Each structure stands twice: as C-alpha cells, then as structure tokens.
N, C-alpha and C. Protein backbone atom coordinates (compact mmCIF):
# COMPACT_ATOMS: atom_id res chain seq x y z
N MET A 1 156.78 144.48 68.94
CA MET A 1 156.51 143.11 69.37
C MET A 1 157.70 142.56 70.11
N THR A 2 157.28 141.78 71.07
CA THR A 2 158.40 141.17 71.82
C THR A 2 158.57 139.71 71.35
N GLN A 3 159.78 139.32 71.35
CA GLN A 3 159.98 137.94 70.94
C GLN A 3 160.11 137.06 72.16
N LYS A 4 159.54 135.91 72.00
CA LYS A 4 159.52 134.94 73.07
C LYS A 4 160.72 133.99 72.85
N ALA A 5 161.44 133.75 73.89
CA ALA A 5 162.60 132.84 73.78
C ALA A 5 162.12 131.42 73.89
N LYS A 6 162.67 130.52 73.15
CA LYS A 6 162.38 129.13 73.30
C LYS A 6 163.21 128.54 74.38
N VAL A 7 162.49 127.76 75.23
CA VAL A 7 163.12 127.11 76.28
C VAL A 7 163.13 125.56 76.07
N THR A 8 164.19 124.97 76.17
CA THR A 8 164.24 123.54 76.01
C THR A 8 164.64 122.91 77.31
N VAL A 9 163.95 121.84 77.64
CA VAL A 9 164.32 121.07 78.87
C VAL A 9 164.80 119.76 78.49
N GLU A 10 165.94 119.47 79.00
CA GLU A 10 166.53 118.22 78.77
C GLU A 10 166.06 117.16 79.73
N THR A 11 165.69 116.01 79.23
CA THR A 11 165.26 114.93 80.15
C THR A 11 166.39 113.93 80.19
N PRO A 12 166.57 113.41 81.36
CA PRO A 12 167.62 112.36 81.46
C PRO A 12 167.18 111.12 80.65
N SER A 13 168.14 110.54 80.09
CA SER A 13 167.82 109.33 79.25
C SER A 13 167.87 108.12 80.15
N PHE A 14 166.76 107.32 79.97
CA PHE A 14 166.67 106.02 80.69
C PHE A 14 166.68 104.94 79.61
N PRO A 15 167.37 103.87 80.01
CA PRO A 15 167.42 102.78 79.05
C PRO A 15 166.02 102.23 78.98
N MET A 16 165.66 101.76 77.79
CA MET A 16 164.36 101.21 77.54
C MET A 16 164.27 99.81 78.22
N PHE A 17 163.12 99.68 78.96
CA PHE A 17 162.93 98.36 79.52
C PHE A 17 162.00 97.60 78.63
N GLU A 18 162.31 96.37 78.44
CA GLU A 18 161.47 95.48 77.60
C GLU A 18 161.00 94.34 78.39
N MET A 19 159.80 93.93 78.06
CA MET A 19 159.25 92.74 78.68
C MET A 19 160.03 91.53 78.15
N PRO A 20 160.24 90.56 79.03
CA PRO A 20 160.92 89.37 78.49
C PRO A 20 160.03 88.70 77.43
N LYS A 21 160.67 88.14 76.49
CA LYS A 21 159.87 87.56 75.39
C LYS A 21 159.93 86.00 75.57
N PHE A 22 158.71 85.48 75.52
CA PHE A 22 158.62 84.07 75.49
C PHE A 22 157.39 83.63 74.74
N ASP A 23 157.38 82.47 74.34
CA ASP A 23 156.36 81.95 73.48
C ASP A 23 155.22 81.41 74.33
N MET A 24 153.95 81.76 74.02
CA MET A 24 152.79 81.30 74.72
C MET A 24 152.49 79.92 74.12
N PRO A 25 152.06 79.02 75.01
CA PRO A 25 151.69 77.72 74.48
C PRO A 25 150.48 77.86 73.64
N LYS A 26 150.38 77.16 72.57
CA LYS A 26 149.28 77.24 71.64
C LYS A 26 148.37 76.01 71.90
N PHE A 27 147.06 76.30 72.09
CA PHE A 27 146.10 75.30 72.28
C PHE A 27 145.30 75.22 70.99
N ASP A 28 145.20 74.06 70.55
CA ASP A 28 144.39 73.92 69.34
C ASP A 28 142.96 73.76 69.75
N MET A 29 142.20 74.88 69.65
CA MET A 29 140.83 74.99 70.11
C MET A 29 139.91 74.19 69.23
N ASP A 30 140.25 74.08 67.97
CA ASP A 30 139.39 73.43 67.03
C ASP A 30 139.33 71.94 67.37
N ALA A 31 140.45 71.40 67.82
CA ALA A 31 140.50 70.00 68.06
C ALA A 31 139.76 69.66 69.39
N MET A 32 139.60 70.65 70.28
CA MET A 32 138.90 70.45 71.52
C MET A 32 137.44 70.40 71.34
N GLU A 33 136.78 69.36 71.69
CA GLU A 33 135.35 69.22 71.43
C GLU A 33 134.62 69.15 72.78
N MET A 34 133.50 69.89 72.90
CA MET A 34 132.70 69.88 74.13
C MET A 34 131.86 68.55 74.11
N PRO A 35 131.85 67.94 75.30
CA PRO A 35 131.02 66.73 75.38
C PRO A 35 129.57 67.05 75.16
N THR A 36 128.85 66.15 74.55
CA THR A 36 127.47 66.33 74.22
C THR A 36 126.65 66.54 75.51
N ALA A 37 126.88 65.77 76.54
CA ALA A 37 126.13 65.88 77.81
C ALA A 37 126.28 67.25 78.37
N PHE A 38 127.54 67.74 78.34
CA PHE A 38 127.71 69.09 78.87
C PHE A 38 127.07 70.17 78.04
N ARG A 39 127.08 70.02 76.76
CA ARG A 39 126.40 70.99 75.89
C ARG A 39 124.90 70.93 76.13
N GLU A 40 124.32 69.75 76.27
CA GLU A 40 122.88 69.63 76.54
C GLU A 40 122.50 70.25 77.88
N MET A 41 123.41 70.04 78.90
CA MET A 41 123.16 70.53 80.17
C MET A 41 123.23 72.11 80.18
N ALA A 42 124.16 72.66 79.44
CA ALA A 42 124.25 74.12 79.33
C ALA A 42 123.02 74.71 78.62
N GLU A 43 122.62 74.04 77.55
CA GLU A 43 121.47 74.52 76.81
C GLU A 43 120.23 74.46 77.69
N LYS A 44 120.06 73.38 78.49
CA LYS A 44 118.95 73.22 79.39
C LYS A 44 118.96 74.35 80.44
N ALA A 45 120.16 74.62 80.96
CA ALA A 45 120.31 75.67 82.03
C ALA A 45 119.94 77.03 81.46
N VAL A 46 120.39 77.32 80.18
CA VAL A 46 120.00 78.60 79.62
C VAL A 46 118.53 78.69 79.36
N SER A 47 117.93 77.60 78.89
CA SER A 47 116.47 77.58 78.66
C SER A 47 115.72 77.77 79.94
N GLN A 48 116.11 77.13 81.01
CA GLN A 48 115.48 77.33 82.29
C GLN A 48 115.64 78.72 82.88
N ALA A 49 116.85 79.27 82.70
CA ALA A 49 117.05 80.64 83.13
C ALA A 49 116.18 81.62 82.33
N LYS A 50 116.00 81.41 81.08
CA LYS A 50 115.14 82.26 80.26
C LYS A 50 113.68 82.16 80.74
N VAL A 51 113.24 80.92 80.98
CA VAL A 51 111.81 80.75 81.52
C VAL A 51 111.63 81.39 82.88
N ALA A 52 112.66 81.24 83.73
CA ALA A 52 112.59 81.88 85.05
C ALA A 52 112.60 83.40 84.94
N TYR A 53 113.41 83.91 83.99
CA TYR A 53 113.39 85.39 83.78
C TYR A 53 112.06 85.89 83.33
N ASP A 54 111.49 85.13 82.32
CA ASP A 54 110.18 85.49 81.77
C ASP A 54 109.11 85.55 82.88
N ARG A 55 109.15 84.49 83.69
CA ARG A 55 108.16 84.43 84.79
C ARG A 55 108.37 85.59 85.80
N ALA A 56 109.62 85.85 86.07
CA ALA A 56 109.86 86.95 87.09
C ALA A 56 109.48 88.31 86.49
N LYS A 57 109.75 88.49 85.18
CA LYS A 57 109.35 89.73 84.50
C LYS A 57 107.84 89.90 84.51
N LEU A 58 107.11 88.76 84.14
CA LEU A 58 105.68 88.87 84.14
C LEU A 58 105.12 89.13 85.52
N SER A 59 105.68 88.46 86.53
CA SER A 59 105.26 88.74 87.89
C SER A 59 105.48 90.19 88.34
N ALA A 60 106.58 90.72 87.96
CA ALA A 60 106.91 92.15 88.36
C ALA A 60 105.93 93.09 87.59
N GLU A 61 105.65 92.78 86.32
CA GLU A 61 104.71 93.65 85.57
C GLU A 61 103.30 93.58 86.21
N GLU A 62 102.88 92.34 86.59
CA GLU A 62 101.57 92.14 87.22
C GLU A 62 101.53 92.90 88.58
N ALA A 63 102.62 92.80 89.35
CA ALA A 63 102.61 93.44 90.63
C ALA A 63 102.54 94.97 90.45
N THR A 64 103.25 95.45 89.51
CA THR A 64 103.19 96.89 89.20
C THR A 64 101.81 97.31 88.82
N GLU A 65 101.22 96.53 87.97
CA GLU A 65 99.76 96.86 87.52
C GLU A 65 98.86 96.86 88.76
N VAL A 66 99.02 95.92 89.63
CA VAL A 66 98.12 95.81 90.82
C VAL A 66 98.37 97.07 91.63
N LEU A 67 99.63 97.49 91.86
CA LEU A 67 99.90 98.66 92.63
C LEU A 67 99.31 99.91 92.00
N GLU A 68 99.49 100.03 90.72
CA GLU A 68 98.91 101.17 89.99
C GLU A 68 97.45 101.20 90.16
N ASP A 69 96.77 100.09 89.96
CA ASP A 69 95.30 100.05 90.09
C ASP A 69 94.87 100.41 91.56
N THR A 70 95.59 99.88 92.50
CA THR A 70 95.25 100.15 93.87
C THR A 70 95.43 101.62 94.24
N PHE A 71 96.58 102.14 93.82
CA PHE A 71 96.80 103.60 94.10
C PHE A 71 95.81 104.47 93.39
N SER A 72 95.44 104.11 92.15
CA SER A 72 94.44 104.91 91.43
C SER A 72 93.08 104.88 92.14
N ALA A 73 92.67 103.68 92.55
CA ALA A 73 91.40 103.58 93.25
C ALA A 73 91.47 104.32 94.62
N THR A 74 92.54 104.11 95.35
CA THR A 74 92.67 104.82 96.62
C THR A 74 92.59 106.31 96.45
N SER A 75 93.33 106.85 95.52
CA SER A 75 93.32 108.30 95.26
C SER A 75 91.89 108.80 94.92
N LYS A 76 91.19 108.08 93.99
CA LYS A 76 89.88 108.51 93.60
C LYS A 76 88.93 108.49 94.82
N HIS A 77 88.92 107.41 95.56
CA HIS A 77 87.98 107.29 96.64
C HIS A 77 88.32 108.21 97.83
N ALA A 78 89.59 108.44 98.04
CA ALA A 78 90.03 109.44 99.14
C ALA A 78 89.55 110.78 98.72
N ASN A 79 89.67 111.13 97.46
CA ASN A 79 89.21 112.44 97.00
C ASN A 79 87.69 112.58 97.16
N ASP A 80 86.96 111.52 96.81
CA ASP A 80 85.47 111.53 96.96
C ASP A 80 85.11 111.68 98.44
N LEU A 81 85.78 110.99 99.30
CA LEU A 81 85.44 111.03 100.73
C LEU A 81 85.76 112.44 101.30
N ASN A 82 86.91 112.98 100.81
CA ASN A 82 87.23 114.36 101.29
C ASN A 82 86.15 115.39 100.86
N LYS A 83 85.70 115.22 99.59
CA LYS A 83 84.65 116.12 99.09
C LYS A 83 83.44 115.98 99.95
N GLN A 84 83.04 114.76 100.27
CA GLN A 84 81.85 114.48 101.04
C GLN A 84 81.95 115.11 102.46
N MET A 85 83.18 114.91 103.10
CA MET A 85 83.35 115.50 104.42
C MET A 85 83.31 117.02 104.36
N LEU A 86 83.84 117.63 103.31
CA LEU A 86 83.78 119.08 103.22
C LEU A 86 82.32 119.52 103.02
N THR A 87 81.58 118.81 102.22
CA THR A 87 80.16 119.12 102.05
C THR A 87 79.41 119.00 103.35
N ASN A 88 79.67 117.92 104.07
CA ASN A 88 79.03 117.75 105.46
C ASN A 88 79.41 118.92 106.38
N ALA A 89 80.70 119.31 106.37
CA ALA A 89 81.13 120.44 107.23
C ALA A 89 80.39 121.70 106.87
N LYS A 90 80.26 121.96 105.55
CA LYS A 90 79.59 123.16 105.07
C LYS A 90 78.12 123.14 105.53
N THR A 91 77.45 121.98 105.38
CA THR A 91 76.03 121.87 105.79
C THR A 91 75.90 122.12 107.29
N ASN A 92 76.79 121.60 108.08
CA ASN A 92 76.72 121.70 109.56
C ASN A 92 77.02 123.14 109.92
N MET A 93 77.94 123.76 109.28
CA MET A 93 78.25 125.17 109.63
C MET A 93 77.08 126.07 109.28
N ASN A 94 76.49 125.83 108.11
CA ASN A 94 75.26 126.62 107.76
C ASN A 94 74.15 126.45 108.69
N ALA A 95 73.97 125.25 109.21
CA ALA A 95 72.91 124.98 110.18
C ALA A 95 73.21 125.72 111.51
N THR A 96 74.49 125.75 111.90
CA THR A 96 74.90 126.45 113.10
C THR A 96 74.72 128.03 112.97
N PHE A 97 75.00 128.51 111.72
CA PHE A 97 74.82 129.93 111.52
C PHE A 97 73.31 130.24 111.57
N ASP A 98 72.46 129.37 110.97
CA ASP A 98 71.04 129.56 111.00
C ASP A 98 70.53 129.57 112.42
N LEU A 99 71.05 128.68 113.24
CA LEU A 99 70.70 128.68 114.69
C LEU A 99 71.02 129.96 115.35
N ALA A 100 72.26 130.42 115.11
CA ALA A 100 72.70 131.72 115.68
C ALA A 100 71.79 132.84 115.26
N GLU A 101 71.44 132.89 114.03
CA GLU A 101 70.52 133.96 113.49
C GLU A 101 69.14 133.86 114.20
N LYS A 102 68.65 132.65 114.36
CA LYS A 102 67.36 132.50 115.04
C LYS A 102 67.43 132.92 116.57
N MET A 103 68.63 132.57 117.14
CA MET A 103 68.74 132.83 118.52
C MET A 103 68.81 134.37 118.81
N PHE A 104 69.31 135.11 117.86
CA PHE A 104 69.34 136.61 118.01
C PHE A 104 67.94 137.17 118.04
N GLY A 105 66.98 136.50 117.49
CA GLY A 105 65.64 137.02 117.38
C GLY A 105 64.69 136.52 118.44
N VAL A 106 65.19 135.75 119.41
CA VAL A 106 64.27 135.21 120.48
C VAL A 106 63.90 136.27 121.46
N LYS A 107 62.70 136.13 122.03
CA LYS A 107 62.25 137.16 123.05
C LYS A 107 62.09 136.55 124.40
N THR A 108 61.97 135.15 124.42
CA THR A 108 61.83 134.55 125.79
C THR A 108 62.84 133.39 125.92
N VAL A 109 63.05 132.96 127.09
CA VAL A 109 63.94 131.83 127.37
C VAL A 109 63.28 130.51 126.83
N ALA A 110 61.95 130.38 126.94
CA ALA A 110 61.24 129.19 126.43
C ALA A 110 61.44 129.11 124.89
N GLU A 111 61.33 130.21 124.26
CA GLU A 111 61.56 130.24 122.78
C GLU A 111 62.98 129.79 122.43
N ALA A 112 63.96 130.26 123.18
CA ALA A 112 65.35 129.89 122.96
C ALA A 112 65.57 128.40 123.22
N VAL A 113 64.98 127.90 124.27
CA VAL A 113 65.06 126.43 124.55
C VAL A 113 64.40 125.64 123.46
N GLU A 114 63.29 126.11 122.95
CA GLU A 114 62.59 125.38 121.84
C GLU A 114 63.43 125.36 120.53
N ILE A 115 63.97 126.50 120.22
CA ILE A 115 64.83 126.61 119.03
C ILE A 115 66.09 125.73 119.17
N GLN A 116 66.67 125.77 120.33
CA GLN A 116 67.89 124.98 120.64
C GLN A 116 67.59 123.49 120.54
N SER A 117 66.43 123.05 121.11
CA SER A 117 66.01 121.66 121.13
C SER A 117 65.79 121.17 119.65
N GLU A 118 65.07 122.01 118.91
CA GLU A 118 64.77 121.69 117.46
C GLU A 118 66.11 121.55 116.72
N PHE A 119 67.03 122.46 117.00
CA PHE A 119 68.32 122.38 116.31
C PHE A 119 69.05 121.08 116.69
N ALA A 120 69.05 120.77 117.98
CA ALA A 120 69.75 119.57 118.43
C ALA A 120 69.22 118.32 117.81
N ARG A 121 67.86 118.21 117.74
CA ARG A 121 67.23 117.06 117.15
C ARG A 121 67.54 116.95 115.70
N LYS A 122 67.46 118.06 114.90
CA LYS A 122 67.80 118.04 113.45
C LYS A 122 69.23 117.74 113.27
N GLN A 123 70.07 118.27 114.10
CA GLN A 123 71.59 117.99 113.89
C GLN A 123 71.90 116.55 114.18
N PHE A 124 71.20 116.03 115.24
CA PHE A 124 71.45 114.60 115.55
C PHE A 124 71.08 113.79 114.30
N GLU A 125 70.00 114.01 113.73
CA GLU A 125 69.43 113.26 112.52
C GLU A 125 70.41 113.48 111.37
N THR A 126 70.85 114.73 111.16
CA THR A 126 71.77 115.00 110.11
C THR A 126 73.10 114.33 110.26
N LEU A 127 73.65 114.40 111.55
CA LEU A 127 74.94 113.77 111.72
C LEU A 127 74.87 112.27 111.62
N THR A 128 73.75 111.71 112.08
CA THR A 128 73.53 110.25 111.95
C THR A 128 73.51 109.86 110.48
N SER A 129 72.76 110.64 109.66
CA SER A 129 72.71 110.33 108.24
C SER A 129 74.10 110.50 107.58
N GLN A 130 74.76 111.60 107.97
CA GLN A 130 76.10 111.80 107.35
C GLN A 130 77.08 110.67 107.74
N ALA A 131 76.99 110.24 108.94
CA ALA A 131 77.92 109.13 109.40
C ALA A 131 77.60 107.81 108.67
N LYS A 132 76.28 107.55 108.47
CA LYS A 132 75.94 106.33 107.72
C LYS A 132 76.42 106.40 106.28
N ASP A 133 76.25 107.65 105.71
CA ASP A 133 76.70 107.78 104.31
C ASP A 133 78.21 107.66 104.20
N LEU A 134 78.92 108.25 105.10
CA LEU A 134 80.40 108.12 105.06
C LEU A 134 80.83 106.67 105.31
N GLN A 135 80.13 105.96 106.21
CA GLN A 135 80.47 104.62 106.42
C GLN A 135 80.22 103.77 105.21
N SER A 136 79.15 103.97 104.52
CA SER A 136 78.85 103.23 103.30
C SER A 136 79.90 103.52 102.23
N LYS A 137 80.19 104.83 102.04
CA LYS A 137 81.19 105.20 101.05
C LYS A 137 82.58 104.65 101.39
N SER A 138 82.94 104.64 102.67
CA SER A 138 84.20 104.16 103.09
C SER A 138 84.27 102.61 102.82
N GLN A 139 83.20 101.91 103.11
CA GLN A 139 83.19 100.45 102.90
C GLN A 139 83.34 100.17 101.37
N LYS A 140 82.63 100.94 100.51
CA LYS A 140 82.76 100.77 99.09
C LYS A 140 84.20 101.04 98.59
N ALA A 141 84.77 102.07 99.23
CA ALA A 141 86.15 102.50 98.86
C ALA A 141 87.09 101.40 99.25
N MET A 142 86.96 100.80 100.46
CA MET A 142 87.85 99.73 100.89
C MET A 142 87.72 98.55 99.93
N GLU A 143 86.48 98.20 99.58
CA GLU A 143 86.30 97.11 98.64
C GLU A 143 87.00 97.37 97.26
N ALA A 144 86.77 98.61 96.77
CA ALA A 144 87.34 98.96 95.50
C ALA A 144 88.87 99.02 95.52
N CYS A 145 89.43 99.48 96.64
CA CYS A 145 90.91 99.60 96.74
C CYS A 145 91.54 98.27 96.93
N SER A 146 90.88 97.31 97.61
CA SER A 146 91.51 96.02 97.82
C SER A 146 91.18 95.02 96.69
N LYS A 147 90.31 95.37 95.75
CA LYS A 147 89.90 94.48 94.68
C LYS A 147 91.14 94.03 93.82
N PRO A 148 91.95 94.98 93.35
CA PRO A 148 93.10 94.52 92.53
C PRO A 148 93.97 93.51 93.26
N ALA A 149 94.29 93.74 94.57
CA ALA A 149 95.05 92.79 95.29
C ALA A 149 94.36 91.44 95.43
N LYS A 150 93.08 91.48 95.72
CA LYS A 150 92.33 90.24 95.87
C LYS A 150 92.31 89.49 94.52
N ASP A 151 92.08 90.20 93.45
CA ASP A 151 92.04 89.49 92.15
C ASP A 151 93.40 88.88 91.78
N SER A 152 94.45 89.62 92.12
CA SER A 152 95.82 89.15 91.87
C SER A 152 96.13 87.91 92.71
N ALA A 153 95.69 87.92 93.96
CA ALA A 153 95.95 86.79 94.84
C ALA A 153 95.16 85.57 94.34
N ALA A 154 93.89 85.81 93.91
CA ALA A 154 93.08 84.68 93.37
C ALA A 154 93.74 84.11 92.14
N LYS A 155 94.19 84.96 91.25
CA LYS A 155 94.88 84.55 90.02
C LYS A 155 96.14 83.73 90.35
N ALA A 156 96.91 84.19 91.38
CA ALA A 156 98.13 83.46 91.73
C ALA A 156 97.76 82.09 92.28
N MET A 157 96.69 82.00 93.11
CA MET A 157 96.28 80.75 93.65
C MET A 157 95.82 79.73 92.52
N GLU A 158 95.17 80.29 91.59
CA GLU A 158 94.73 79.42 90.43
C GLU A 158 95.97 78.88 89.70
N GLN A 159 96.98 79.74 89.52
CA GLN A 159 98.16 79.30 88.80
C GLN A 159 98.92 78.25 89.65
N VAL A 160 98.87 78.37 90.98
CA VAL A 160 99.55 77.43 91.83
C VAL A 160 98.75 76.07 91.71
N LYS A 161 97.45 76.15 91.67
CA LYS A 161 96.67 74.89 91.57
C LYS A 161 96.91 74.19 90.30
N THR A 162 97.05 74.98 89.16
CA THR A 162 97.27 74.33 87.80
C THR A 162 98.64 73.74 87.70
N VAL A 163 99.62 74.31 88.44
CA VAL A 163 100.98 73.77 88.35
C VAL A 163 101.06 72.46 89.14
N ASN A 164 100.36 72.34 90.24
CA ASN A 164 100.43 71.19 91.08
C ASN A 164 99.51 70.18 90.57
C-alpha cells in the first residue's frame, strides 16, 4: 500500500469586515390604525376583483365548451361527408367499369352509341342526386357546427339585456 501525503494549503488571513451597526427606528404598528374609509374601499376592491375573476373564469369555461362542441360536431360531420363522398366515388367507378365491360361486348357502332348514351343519362341522374345529397348533408353540417356558437351568442345577448 502506498501512503498518501497530506497537503495543506495556507490561505492568507483577511481581517473580518463587519457591517456598521445602527439601530433601526421602531414603528409602533399596533398604534397605527387604518382609516375606516380606506378599509371599506379595499374590501370593496377585493370583492369586485373576485366577482370580475369569477365572471372571467365562467366566460372562459363557456368559450372552451363552445369550442369543444363546435370541434366535435365539425369532426363528426366532416367524417360523415368524407364517407359519403367515398361511397359516391365507389358507385361512380363501378358504373364506369360496368360501361367498359358492356363496351367490350358491342358488335356495332350504333350499339356502342346507345350504351354510351344510356350510361351518360344514368350518370347525369346519379351525379345530380349525389350533388343534392351532399348539399343537403353539408347544409345540415353547417347548421350543426355553428349551433354552439349561435347558442352562446344568444345567451350572451340575453345576459347583456338583463344587465341593462
């Protein structure tokens, strides 16, 4: 085993510095009394601040609820519309494949024109029906998505009327 040598480091000595000592003036706080008007004014300010805080908190909670309801409705209706558009696309693609299958079996130009004309007429009716359906669903979605905001605005207007 090796022995470790102890090393000591000498530090220069500095004289201790002390803060000057003085006596703090003593205020007799018990003898100092707050004026009644000032106390009442402070209590009223605290009460008004609490009321304002409660109103702001309630407003923030209501706004959050309106946003949550709006986003929920928007998400649901967007999902429904997307499903409907995918269903429409599938229907239209199937009709197009059916047309292609029929066109492979034609023997005359007149027969091809007849099949193409029938397809065009049916597709026009189908697309018109699909567009009306999507328009109707979109209108309902817009109404459902804007309902929470409309209800909140109506409630706020009622509160303004009752305050005035």
